[in-house]
């Protein structure tokens, strides 16, 4: 049985210490497998809120997301791996959003 080569590794971050450790681990794995690393941050927005409140919240969370991704990308760059970052907004489950994003990436790569 052959193991398929990794081409892209997706790591989700929320800015916590464990998620930054995951970036470090994923970066090392990406380097060892010559893979590209995508760093993903999911913004959870409330499903039912007024448009002005939603826009204010989106702006605040987007700013925080950019800081998280910048810090995560800097960690990954220390091991010299190719990275890209992605922000996904959802009003549903963060976990399901990460899985769906990864599934879409997998389908895109296998096409």
PDB file of N, CA and C in Angstrom:
ATOM      1  N   UNK A   1       0.840  -1.175   0.000  1.00  0.00           N
ATOM      2  CA  UNK A   1       0.000   0.000   0.000  1.00  0.00           C
ATOM      3  C   UNK A   1       0.883   1.235   0.000  1.00  0.00           C
ATOM      4  N   UNK A   2       0.625   2.149  -0.912  1.00  0.00           N
ATOM      5  CA  UNK A   2       1.420   3.365  -0.958  1.00  0.00           C
ATOM      6  C   UNK A   2       0.690   4.496  -0.244  1.00  0.00           C
ATOM      7  N   UNK A   3       1.469   5.361   0.335  1.00  0.00           N
ATOM      8  CA  UNK A   3       0.917   6.510   1.049  1.00  0.00           C
ATOM      9  C   UNK A   3       0.963   7.709   0.106  1.00  0.00           C
ATOM     10  N   UNK A   4      -0.195   8.386  -0.093  1.00  0.00           N
ATOM     11  CA  UNK A   4      -0.173   9.540  -0.979  1.00  0.00           C
ATOM     12  C   UNK A   4       0.675  10.667  -0.392  1.00  0.00           C
ATOM     13  N   UNK A   5       1.375  11.363  -1.256  1.00  0.00           N
ATOM     14  CA  UNK A   5       2.192  12.477  -0.809  1.00  0.00           C
ATOM     15  C   UNK A   5       1.304  13.663  -0.452  1.00  0.00           C
ATOM     16  N   UNK A   6       1.671  14.334   0.608  1.00  0.00           N
ATOM     17  CA  UNK A   6       0.943  15.528   0.996  1.00  0.00           C
ATOM     18  C   UNK A   6       1.367  16.672   0.081  1.00  0.00           C
ATOM     19  N   UNK A   7       0.398  17.441  -0.359  1.00  0.00           N
ATOM     20  CA  UNK A   7       0.727  18.617  -1.155  1.00  0.00           C
ATOM     21  C   UNK A   7       0.399  19.890  -0.403  1.00  0.00           C
ATOM     22  N   UNK A   8      -0.612  19.804   0.435  1.00  0.00           N
ATOM     23  CA  UNK A   8      -1.009  20.964   1.229  1.00  0.00           C
ATOM     24  C   UNK A   8      -1.513  20.487   2.575  1.00  0.00           C
ATOM     25  N   UNK A   9      -1.065  21.179   3.605  1.00  0.00           N
ATOM     26  CA  UNK A   9      -1.492  20.887   4.962  1.00  0.00           C
ATOM     27  C   UNK A   9      -2.274  22.089   5.458  1.00  0.00           C
ATOM     28  N   UNK A  10      -3.455  21.841   5.988  1.00  0.00           N
ATOM     29  CA  UNK A  10      -4.281  22.913   6.551  1.00  0.00           C
ATOM     30  C   UNK A  10      -4.203  22.812   8.068  1.00  0.00           C
ATOM     31  N   UNK A  11      -3.881  23.929   8.706  1.00  0.00           N
ATOM     32  CA  UNK A  11      -3.875  23.990  10.165  1.00  0.00           C
ATOM     33  C   UNK A  11      -4.753  25.168  10.584  1.00  0.00           C
ATOM     34  N   UNK A  12      -5.694  24.878  11.459  1.00  0.00           N
ATOM     35  CA  UNK A  12      -6.609  25.915  11.949  1.00  0.00           C
ATOM     36  C   UNK A  12      -6.049  26.515  13.235  1.00  0.00           C
ATOM     37  N   UNK A  13      -6.154  27.831  13.337  1.00  0.00           N
ATOM     38  CA  UNK A  13      -5.634  28.529  14.517  1.00  0.00           C
ATOM     39  C   UNK A  13      -6.688  29.458  15.103  1.00  0.00           C
ATOM     40  N   UNK A  14      -6.619  29.581  16.433  1.00  0.00           N
ATOM     41  CA  UNK A  14      -7.506  30.529  17.104  1.00  0.00           C
ATOM     42  C   UNK A  14      -6.722  31.495  17.985  1.00  0.00           C
ATOM     43  N   UNK A  15      -5.405  31.416  17.904  1.00  0.00           N
ATOM     44  CA  UNK A  15      -4.552  32.301  18.687  1.00  0.00           C
ATOM     45  C   UNK A  15      -4.135  31.732  20.030  1.00  0.00           C
ATOM     46  N   UNK A  16      -4.721  30.601  20.412  1.00  0.00           N
ATOM     47  CA  UNK A  16      -4.361  29.983  21.691  1.00  0.00           C
ATOM     48  C   UNK A  16      -2.982  29.331  21.592  1.00  0.00           C
ATOM     49  N   UNK A  17      -2.390  29.079  22.742  1.00  0.00           N
ATOM     50  CA  UNK A  17      -1.085  28.426  22.775  1.00  0.00           C
ATOM     51  C   UNK A  17      -1.119  27.048  22.088  1.00  0.00           C
ATOM     52  N   UNK A  18      -2.139  26.202  22.354  1.00  0.00           N
ATOM     53  CA  UNK A  18      -2.179  24.913  21.647  1.00  0.00           C
ATOM     54  C   UNK A  18      -2.272  25.065  20.123  1.00  0.00           C
ATOM     55  N   UNK A  19      -3.002  26.066  19.643  1.00  0.00           N
ATOM     56  CA  UNK A  19      -3.105  26.221  18.191  1.00  0.00           C
ATOM     57  C   UNK A  19      -1.778  26.699  17.597  1.00  0.00           C
ATOM     58  N   UNK A  20      -1.034  27.496  18.342  1.00  0.00           N
ATOM     59  CA  UNK A  20       0.282  27.930  17.854  1.00  0.00           C
ATOM     60  C   UNK A  20       1.267  26.753  17.864  1.00  0.00           C
ATOM     61  N   UNK A  21       1.112  25.845  18.819  1.00  0.00           N
ATOM     62  CA  UNK A  21       1.922  24.624  18.809  1.00  0.00           C
ATOM     63  C   UNK A  21       1.565  23.773  17.588  1.00  0.00           C
ATOM     64  N   UNK A  22       0.282  23.769  17.236  1.00  0.00           N
ATOM     65  CA  UNK A  22      -0.147  23.026  16.041  1.00  0.00           C
ATOM     66  C   UNK A  22       0.488  23.625  14.786  1.00  0.00           C
ATOM     67  N   UNK A  23       0.604  24.946  14.743  1.00  0.00           N
ATOM     68  CA  UNK A  23       1.270  25.603  13.602  1.00  0.00           C
ATOM     69  C   UNK A  23       2.723  25.148  13.532  1.00  0.00           C
ATOM     70  N   UNK A  24       3.379  25.100  14.663  1.00  0.00           N
ATOM     71  CA  UNK A  24       4.768  24.666  14.691  1.00  0.00           C
ATOM     72  C   UNK A  24       4.907  23.228  14.189  1.00  0.00           C
ATOM     73  N   UNK A  25       4.048  22.343  14.691  1.00  0.00           N
ATOM     74  CA  UNK A  25       4.081  20.942  14.260  1.00  0.00           C
ATOM     75  C   UNK A  25       3.773  20.818  12.766  1.00  0.00           C
ATOM     76  N   UNK A  26       2.714  21.511  12.308  1.00  0.00           N
ATOM     77  CA  UNK A  26       2.332  21.450  10.897  1.00  0.00           C
ATOM     78  C   UNK A  26       3.431  22.023  10.005  1.00  0.00           C
ATOM     79  N   UNK A  27       4.121  23.044  10.491  1.00  0.00           N
ATOM     80  CA  UNK A  27       5.227  23.633   9.727  1.00  0.00           C
ATOM     81  C   UNK A  27       6.355  22.630   9.544  1.00  0.00           C
ATOM     82  N   UNK A  28       6.685  21.933  10.621  1.00  0.00           N
ATOM     83  CA  UNK A  28       7.738  20.913  10.541  1.00  0.00           C
ATOM     84  C   UNK A  28       7.339  19.796   9.573  1.00  0.00           C
ATOM     85  N   UNK A  29       6.077  19.373   9.667  1.00  0.00           N
ATOM     86  CA  UNK A  29       5.582  18.332   8.774  1.00  0.00           C
ATOM     87  C   UNK A  29       5.607  18.809   7.317  1.00  0.00           C
ATOM     88  N   UNK A  30       5.206  20.044   7.093  1.00  0.00           N
ATOM     89  CA  UNK A  30       5.212  20.602   5.733  1.00  0.00           C
ATOM     90  C   UNK A  30       6.630  20.656   5.175  1.00  0.00           C
ATOM     91  N   UNK A  31       7.563  21.023   6.020  1.00  0.00           N
ATOM     92  CA  UNK A  31       8.962  21.070   5.569  1.00  0.00           C
ATOM     93  C   UNK A  31       9.463  19.680   5.200  1.00  0.00           C
ATOM     94  N   UNK A  32       9.167  18.703   6.041  1.00  0.00           N
ATOM     95  CA  UNK A  32       9.633  17.339   5.795  1.00  0.00           C
ATOM     96  C   UNK A  32       9.014  16.721   4.547  1.00  0.00           C
ATOM     97  N   UNK A  33       7.797  17.128   4.209  1.00  0.00           N
ATOM     98  CA  UNK A  33       7.092  16.543   3.059  1.00  0.00           C
ATOM     99  C   UNK A  33       7.069  17.469   1.850  1.00  0.00           C
ATOM    100  N   UNK A  34       7.778  18.591   1.949  1.00  0.00           N
ATOM    101  CA  UNK A  34       7.796  19.599   0.872  1.00  0.00           C
ATOM    102  C   UNK A  34       6.384  20.023   0.483  1.00  0.00           C
ATOM    103  N   UNK A  35       5.557  20.215   1.484  1.00  0.00           N
ATOM    104  CA  UNK A  35       4.162  20.608   1.273  1.00  0.00           C
ATOM    105  C   UNK A  35       3.999  22.095   1.540  1.00  0.00           C
ATOM    106  N   UNK A  36       2.912  22.632   1.029  1.00  0.00           N
ATOM    107  CA  UNK A  36       2.536  24.004   1.315  1.00  0.00           C
ATOM    108  C   UNK A  36       1.646  23.987   2.562  1.00  0.00           C
ATOM    109  N   UNK A  37       1.756  25.010   3.377  1.00  0.00           N
ATOM    110  CA  UNK A  37       0.978  25.095   4.608  1.00  0.00           C
ATOM    111  C   UNK A  37      -0.057  26.207   4.479  1.00  0.00           C
ATOM    112  N   UNK A  38      -1.317  25.852   4.682  1.00  0.00           N
ATOM    113  CA  UNK A  38      -2.362  26.860   4.735  1.00  0.00           C
ATOM    114  C   UNK A  38      -2.794  27.031   6.187  1.00  0.00           C
ATOM    115  N   UNK A  39      -2.735  28.266   6.643  1.00  0.00           N
ATOM    116  CA  UNK A  39      -3.123  28.584   8.016  1.00  0.00           C
ATOM    117  C   UNK A  39      -4.523  29.196   7.952  1.00  0.00           C
ATOM    118  N   UNK A  40      -5.443  28.563   8.648  1.00  0.00           N
ATOM    119  CA  UNK A  40      -6.861  28.911   8.567  1.00  0.00           C
ATOM    120  C   UNK A  40      -7.359  29.470   9.898  1.00  0.00           C
ATOM    121  N   UNK A  41      -8.104  30.558   9.813  1.00  0.00           N
ATOM    122  CA  UNK A  41      -8.768  31.092  10.994  1.00  0.00           C
ATOM    123  C   UNK A  41     -10.246  31.238  10.667  1.00  0.00           C
ATOM    124  N   UNK A  42     -11.086  30.741  11.563  1.00  0.00           N
ATOM    125  CA  UNK A  42     -12.534  30.804  11.363  1.00  0.00           C
ATOM    126  C   UNK A  42     -13.114  31.858  12.301  1.00  0.00           C
ATOM    127  N   UNK A  43     -13.866  32.759  11.720  1.00  0.00           N
ATOM    128  CA  UNK A  43     -14.553  33.790  12.499  1.00  0.00           C
ATOM    129  C   UNK A  43     -15.995  33.338  12.682  1.00  0.00           C
ATOM    130  N   UNK A  44     -16.405  33.201  13.942  1.00  0.00           N
ATOM    131  CA  UNK A  44     -17.768  32.801  14.260  1.00  0.00           C
ATOM    132  C   UNK A  44     -18.603  34.053  14.510  1.00  0.00           C
ATOM    133  N   UNK A  45     -19.575  34.279  13.626  1.00  0.00           N
ATOM    134  CA  UNK A  45     -20.463  35.432  13.742  1.00  0.00           C
ATOM    135  C   UNK A  45     -21.821  34.972  14.259  1.00  0.00           C
ATOM    136  N   UNK A  46     -22.490  35.807  15.047  1.00  0.00           N
ATOM    137  CA  UNK A  46     -23.817  35.418  15.536  1.00  0.00           C
ATOM    138  C   UNK A  46     -24.814  35.344  14.378  1.00  0.00           C
ATOM    139  N   UNK A  47     -25.686  34.374  14.438  1.00  0.00           N
ATOM    140  CA  UNK A  47     -26.655  34.177  13.355  1.00  0.00           C
ATOM    141  C   UNK A  47     -27.746  35.239  13.358  1.00  0.00           C
ATOM    142  N   UNK A  48     -28.127  35.690  14.515  1.00  0.00           N
ATOM    143  CA  UNK A  48     -29.244  36.626  14.608  1.00  0.00           C
ATOM    144  C   UNK A  48     -28.816  37.885  15.347  1.00  0.00           C
ATOM    145  N   UNK A  49     -28.512  38.907  14.596  1.00  0.00           N
ATOM    146  CA  UNK A  49     -28.138  40.192  15.182  1.00  0.00           C
ATOM    147  C   UNK A  49     -28.410  41.284  14.158  1.00  0.00           C
ATOM    148  N   UNK A  50     -28.457  42.492  14.606  1.00  0.00           N
ATOM    149  CA  UNK A  50     -28.748  43.599  13.693  1.00  0.00           C
ATOM    150  C   UNK A  50     -27.571  43.824  12.748  1.00  0.00           C
ATOM    151  N   UNK A  51     -27.838  44.296  11.537  1.00  0.00           N
ATOM    152  CA  UNK A  51     -26.747  44.543  10.584  1.00  0.00           C
ATOM    153  C   UNK A  51     -25.651  45.472  11.111  1.00  0.00           C
ATOM    154  N   UNK A  52     -25.982  46.572  11.801  1.00  0.00           N
ATOM    155  CA  UNK A  52     -24.890  47.415  12.314  1.00  0.00           C
ATOM    156  C   UNK A  52     -24.022  46.685  13.344  1.00  0.00           C
ATOM    157  N   UNK A  53     -24.647  45.925  14.212  1.00  0.00           N
ATOM    158  CA  UNK A  53     -23.897  45.163  15.209  1.00  0.00           C
ATOM    159  C   UNK A  53     -23.023  44.117  14.524  1.00  0.00           C
ATOM    160  N   UNK A  54     -23.582  43.460  13.532  1.00  0.00           N
ATOM    161  CA  UNK A  54     -22.841  42.447  12.785  1.00  0.00           C
ATOM    162  C   UNK A  54     -21.611  43.049  12.107  1.00  0.00           C
ATOM    163  N   UNK A  55     -21.761  44.205  11.493  1.00  0.00           N
ATOM    164  CA  UNK A  55     -20.636  44.843  10.813  1.00  0.00           C
ATOM    165  C   UNK A  55     -19.555  45.267  11.808  1.00  0.00           C
ATOM    166  N   UNK A  56     -19.964  45.802  12.956  1.00  0.00           N
ATOM    167  CA  UNK A  56     -18.984  46.182  13.984  1.00  0.00           C
ATOM    168  C   UNK A  56     -18.237  44.957  14.501  1.00  0.00           C
ATOM    169  N   UNK A  57     -18.974  43.903  14.736  1.00  0.00           N
ATOM    170  CA  UNK A  57     -18.367  42.658  15.203  1.00  0.00           C
ATOM    171  C   UNK A  57     -17.440  42.066  14.143  1.00  0.00           C
ATOM    172  N   UNK A  58     -17.880  42.070  12.907  1.00  0.00           N
ATOM    173  CA  UNK A  58     -17.055  41.556  11.806  1.00  0.00           C
ATOM    174  C   UNK A  58     -15.736  42.334  11.716  1.00  0.00           C
ATOM    175  N   UNK A  59     -15.805  43.655  11.827  1.00  0.00           N
ATOM    176  CA  UNK A  59     -14.590  44.482  11.750  1.00  0.00           C
ATOM    177  C   UNK A  59     -13.633  44.161  12.892  1.00  0.00           C
ATOM    178  N   UNK A  60     -14.173  44.043  14.091  1.00  0.00           N
ATOM    179  CA  UNK A  60     -13.344  43.746  15.255  1.00  0.00           C
ATOM    180  C   UNK A  60     -12.713  42.351  15.153  1.00  0.00           C
ATOM    181  N   UNK A  61     -13.519  41.365  14.779  1.00  0.00           N
ATOM    182  CA  UNK A  61     -13.010  39.993  14.679  1.00  0.00           C
ATOM    183  C   UNK A  61     -12.037  39.834  13.508  1.00  0.00           C
ATOM    184  N   UNK A  62     -12.254  40.565  12.440  1.00  0.00           N
ATOM    185  CA  UNK A  62     -11.332  40.505  11.298  1.00  0.00           C
ATOM    186  C   UNK A  62      -9.965  41.056  11.674  1.00  0.00           C
ATOM    187  N   UNK A  63      -9.954  42.115  12.463  1.00  0.00           N
ATOM    188  CA  UNK A  63      -8.693  42.694  12.936  1.00  0.00           C
ATOM    189  C   UNK A  63      -7.950  41.681  13.810  1.00  0.00           C
ATOM    190  N   UNK A  64      -8.675  41.045  14.727  1.00  0.00           N
ATOM    191  CA  UNK A  64      -8.084  40.028  15.602  1.00  0.00           C
ATOM    192  C   UNK A  64      -7.574  38.838  14.785  1.00  0.00           C
ATOM    193  N   UNK A  65      -8.357  38.440  13.791  1.00  0.00           N
ATOM    194  CA  UNK A  65      -7.979  37.333  12.919  1.00  0.00           C
ATOM    195  C   UNK A  65      -6.676  37.636  12.181  1.00  0.00           C
ATOM    196  N   UNK A  66      -6.553  38.853  11.682  1.00  0.00           N
ATOM    197  CA  UNK A  66      -5.332  39.246  10.966  1.00  0.00           C
ATOM    198  C   UNK A  66      -4.114  39.148  11.883  1.00  0.00           C
ATOM    199  N   UNK A  67      -4.268  39.538  13.145  1.00  0.00           N
ATOM    200  CA  UNK A  67      -3.162  39.445  14.100  1.00  0.00           C
ATOM    201  C   UNK A  67      -2.782  37.986  14.363  1.00  0.00           C
ATOM    202  N   UNK A  68      -3.788  37.143  14.523  1.00  0.00           N
ATOM    203  CA  UNK A  68      -3.543  35.716  14.759  1.00  0.00           C
ATOM    204  C   UNK A  68      -2.811  35.096  13.573  1.00  0.00           C
ATOM    205  N   UNK A  69      -3.279  35.407  12.367  1.00  0.00           N
ATOM    206  CA  UNK A  69      -2.667  34.828  11.176  1.00  0.00           C
ATOM    207  C   UNK A  69      -1.252  35.355  10.964  1.00  0.00           C
ATOM    208  N   UNK A  70      -1.031  36.619  11.269  1.00  0.00           N
ATOM    209  CA  UNK A  70       0.312  37.187  11.129  1.00  0.00           C
ATOM    210  C   UNK A  70       1.295  36.483  12.066  1.00  0.00           C
ATOM    211  N   UNK A  71       0.881  36.292  13.297  1.00  0.00           N
ATOM    212  CA  UNK A  71       1.741  35.604  14.275  1.00  0.00           C
ATOM    213  C   UNK A  71       1.986  34.155  13.857  1.00  0.00           C
ATOM    214  N   UNK A  72       0.941  33.490  13.406  1.00  0.00           N
ATOM    215  CA  UNK A  72       1.057  32.092  12.975  1.00  0.00           C
ATOM    216  C   UNK A  72       1.956  31.956  11.755  1.00  0.00           C
ATOM    217  N   UNK A  73       1.788  32.856  10.812  1.00  0.00           N
ATOM    218  CA  UNK A  73       2.607  32.806   9.596  1.00  0.00           C
ATOM    219  C   UNK A  73       4.078  33.069   9.922  1.00  0.00           C
ATOM    220  N   UNK A  74       4.337  33.977  10.849  1.00  0.00           N
ATOM    221  CA  UNK A  74       5.717  34.242  11.266  1.00  0.00           C
ATOM    222  C   UNK A  74       6.350  32.993  11.876  1.00  0.00           C
ATOM    223  N   UNK A  75       5.580  32.246  12.662  1.00  0.00           N
ATOM    224  CA  UNK A  75       6.082  30.989  13.225  1.00  0.00           C
ATOM    225  C   UNK A  75       6.444  29.996  12.124  1.00  0.00           C
ATOM    226  N   UNK A  76       5.549  29.872  11.154  1.00  0.00           N
ATOM    227  CA  UNK A  76       5.778  28.924  10.056  1.00  0.00           C
ATOM    228  C   UNK A  76       6.984  29.326   9.209  1.00  0.00           C
ATOM    229  N   UNK A  77       7.164  30.602   9.015  1.00  0.00           N
ATOM    230  CA  UNK A  77       8.276  31.087   8.178  1.00  0.00           C
ATOM    231  C   UNK A  77       9.626  30.798   8.817  1.00  0.00           C
ATOM    232  N   UNK A  78       9.673  30.586  10.141  1.00  0.00           N
ATOM    233  CA  UNK A  78      10.954  30.297  10.785  1.00  0.00           C
ATOM    234  C   UNK A  78      11.543  28.971  10.312  1.00  0.00           C
ATOM    235  N   UNK A  79      10.693  28.072   9.819  1.00  0.00           N
ATOM    236  CA  UNK A  79      11.205  26.800   9.288  1.00  0.00           C
ATOM    237  C   UNK A  79      11.216  26.807   7.764  1.00  0.00           C
ATOM    238  N   UNK A  80      10.972  27.982   7.196  1.00  0.00           N
ATOM    239  CA  UNK A  80      11.088  28.186   5.747  1.00  0.00           C
ATOM    240  C   UNK A  80      10.158  27.276   4.937  1.00  0.00           C
ATOM    241  N   UNK A  81       8.856  27.314   5.276  1.00  0.00           N
ATOM    242  CA  UNK A  81       7.868  26.598   4.472  1.00  0.00           C
ATOM    243  C   UNK A  81       7.000  27.620   3.755  1.00  0.00           C
ATOM    244  N   UNK A  82       6.487  27.212   2.623  1.00  0.00           N
ATOM    245  CA  UNK A  82       5.592  28.074   1.861  1.00  0.00           C
ATOM    246  C   UNK A  82       4.230  28.077   2.548  1.00  0.00           C
ATOM    247  N   UNK A  83       3.702  29.268   2.791  1.00  0.00           N
ATOM    248  CA  UNK A  83       2.433  29.381   3.501  1.00  0.00           C
ATOM    249  C   UNK A  83       1.456  30.274   2.755  1.00  0.00           C
ATOM    250  N   UNK A  84       0.200  30.068   3.055  1.00  0.00           N
ATOM    251  CA  UNK A  84      -0.819  31.054   2.733  1.00  0.00           C
ATOM    252  C   UNK A  84      -1.806  31.053   3.887  1.00  0.00           C
ATOM    253  N   UNK A  85      -2.550  32.127   3.983  1.00  0.00           N
ATOM    254  CA  UNK A  85      -3.501  32.247   5.088  1.00  0.00           C
ATOM    255  C   UNK A  85      -4.903  32.422   4.525  1.00  0.00           C
ATOM    256  N   UNK A  86      -5.862  32.007   5.312  1.00  0.00           N
ATOM    257  CA  UNK A  86      -7.258  32.084   4.879  1.00  0.00           C
ATOM    258  C   UNK A  86      -8.129  32.366   6.095  1.00  0.00           C
ATOM    259  N   UNK A  87      -9.099  33.257   5.896  1.00  0.00           N
ATOM    260  CA  UNK A  87     -10.102  33.538   6.915  1.00  0.00           C
ATOM    261  C   UNK A  87     -11.440  33.094   6.357  1.00  0.00           C
ATOM    262  N   UNK A  88     -12.191  32.354   7.155  1.00  0.00           N
ATOM    263  CA  UNK A  88     -13.520  31.896   6.772  1.00  0.00           C
ATOM    264  C   UNK A  88     -14.495  32.368   7.844  1.00  0.00           C
ATOM    265  N   UNK A  89     -15.591  32.958   7.408  1.00  0.00           N
ATOM    266  CA  UNK A  89     -16.633  33.380   8.343  1.00  0.00           C
ATOM    267  C   UNK A  89     -17.742  32.341   8.350  1.00  0.00           C
ATOM    268  N   UNK A  90     -18.339  32.152   9.534  1.00  0.00           N
ATOM    269  CA  UNK A  90     -19.450  31.223   9.654  1.00  0.00           C
ATOM    270  C   UNK A  90     -20.404  31.679  10.746  1.00  0.00           C
ATOM    271  N   UNK A  91     -21.626  31.238  10.633  1.00  0.00           N
ATOM    272  CA  UNK A  91     -22.607  31.422  11.708  1.00  0.00           C
ATOM    273  C   UNK A  91     -22.972  30.059  12.284  1.00  0.00           C
ATOM    274  N   UNK A  92     -22.292  29.031  11.819  1.00  0.00           N
ATOM    275  CA  UNK A  92     -22.555  27.652  12.239  1.00  0.00           C
ATOM    276  C   UNK A  92     -21.422  27.158  13.128  1.00  0.00           C
ATOM    277  N   UNK A  93     -21.166  25.903  13.089  1.00  0.00           N
ATOM    278  CA  UNK A  93     -20.115  25.273  13.878  1.00  0.00           C
ATOM    279  C   UNK A  93     -18.727  25.577  13.289  1.00  0.00           C
ATOM    280  N   UNK A  94     -17.815  26.008  14.152  1.00  0.00           N
ATOM    281  CA  UNK A  94     -16.447  26.254  13.714  1.00  0.00           C
ATOM    282  C   UNK A  94     -15.803  24.951  13.249  1.00  0.00           C
ATOM    283  N   UNK A  95     -16.021  23.887  13.992  1.00  0.00           N
ATOM    284  CA  UNK A  95     -15.437  22.584  13.650  1.00  0.00           C
ATOM    285  C   UNK A  95     -15.933  22.119  12.280  1.00  0.00           C
ATOM    286  N   UNK A  96     -17.233  22.184  12.055  1.00  0.00           N
ATOM    287  CA  UNK A  96     -17.784  21.781  10.750  1.00  0.00           C
ATOM    288  C   UNK A  96     -17.235  22.654   9.638  1.00  0.00           C
ATOM    289  N   UNK A  97     -17.048  23.925   9.899  1.00  0.00           N
ATOM    290  CA  UNK A  97     -16.498  24.838   8.894  1.00  0.00           C
ATOM    291  C   UNK A  97     -15.071  24.444   8.527  1.00  0.00           C
ATOM    292  N   UNK A  98     -14.271  24.080   9.513  1.00  0.00           N
ATOM    293  CA  UNK A  98     -12.897  23.644   9.246  1.00  0.00           C
ATOM    294  C   UNK A  98     -12.898  22.371   8.407  1.00  0.00           C
ATOM    295  N   UNK A  99     -13.737  21.418   8.773  1.00  0.00           N
ATOM    296  CA  UNK A  99     -13.819  20.153   8.028  1.00  0.00           C
ATOM    297  C   UNK A  99     -14.285  20.402   6.595  1.00  0.00           C
ATOM    298  N   UNK A 100     -15.315  21.210   6.428  1.00  0.00           N
ATOM    299  CA  UNK A 100     -15.816  21.511   5.077  1.00  0.00           C
ATOM    300  C   UNK A 100     -14.752  22.212   4.242  1.00  0.00           C
ATOM    301  N   UNK A 101     -14.034  23.146   4.839  1.00  0.00           N
ATOM    302  CA  UNK A 101     -12.967  23.841   4.117  1.00  0.00           C
ATOM    303  C   UNK A 101     -11.889  22.850   3.672  1.00  0.00           C
ATOM    304  N   UNK A 102     -11.491  21.970   4.582  1.00  0.00           N
ATOM    305  CA  UNK A 102     -10.468  20.974   4.257  1.00  0.00           C
ATOM    306  C   UNK A 102     -10.948  20.026   3.163  1.00  0.00           C
ATOM    307  N   UNK A 103     -12.210  19.611   3.245  1.00  0.00           N
ATOM    308  CA  UNK A 103     -12.767  18.733   2.214  1.00  0.00           C
ATOM    309  C   UNK A 103     -12.763  19.422   0.850  1.00  0.00           C
ATOM    310  N   UNK A 104     -13.136  20.690   0.825  1.00  0.00           N
ATOM    311  CA  UNK A 104     -13.120  21.437  -0.447  1.00  0.00           C
ATOM    312  C   UNK A 104     -11.710  21.539  -0.991  1.00  0.00           C
ATOM    313  N   UNK A 105     -10.734  21.781  -0.112  1.00  0.00           N
ATOM    314  CA  UNK A 105      -9.327  21.867  -0.532  1.00  0.00           C
ATOM    315  C   UNK A 105      -8.878  20.530  -1.123  1.00  0.00           C
ATOM    316  N   UNK A 106      -9.270  19.445  -0.468  1.00  0.00           N
ATOM    317  CA  UNK A 106      -8.878  18.120  -0.937  1.00  0.00           C
ATOM    318  C   UNK A 106      -9.444  17.852  -2.323  1.00  0.00           C
ATOM    319  N   UNK A 107     -10.717  18.203  -2.539  1.00  0.00           N
ATOM    320  CA  UNK A 107     -11.352  18.007  -3.836  1.00  0.00           C
ATOM    321  C   UNK A 107     -10.689  18.860  -4.897  1.00  0.00           C
ATOM    322  N   UNK A 108     -10.325  20.083  -4.553  1.00  0.00           N
ATOM    323  CA  UNK A 108      -9.658  20.970  -5.500  1.00  0.00           C
ATOM    324  C   UNK A 108      -8.305  20.411  -5.904  1.00  0.00           C
ATOM    325  N   UNK A 109      -7.582  19.879  -4.949  1.00  0.00           N
ATOM    326  CA  UNK A 109      -6.245  19.349  -5.227  1.00  0.00           C
ATOM    327  C   UNK A 109      -6.285  18.051  -6.027  1.00  0.00           C
ATOM    328  N   UNK A 110      -7.340  17.260  -5.860  1.00  0.00           N
ATOM    329  CA  UNK A 110      -7.394  15.989  -6.571  1.00  0.00           C
ATOM    330  C   UNK A 110      -8.013  16.121  -7.965  1.00  0.00           C
ATOM    331  N   UNK A 111      -8.532  17.279  -8.291  1.00  0.00           N
ATOM    332  CA  UNK A 111      -9.132  17.490  -9.632  1.00  0.00           C
ATOM    333  C   UNK A 111      -8.070  17.774 -10.655  1.00  0.00           C
TER     334      UNK A 111
END
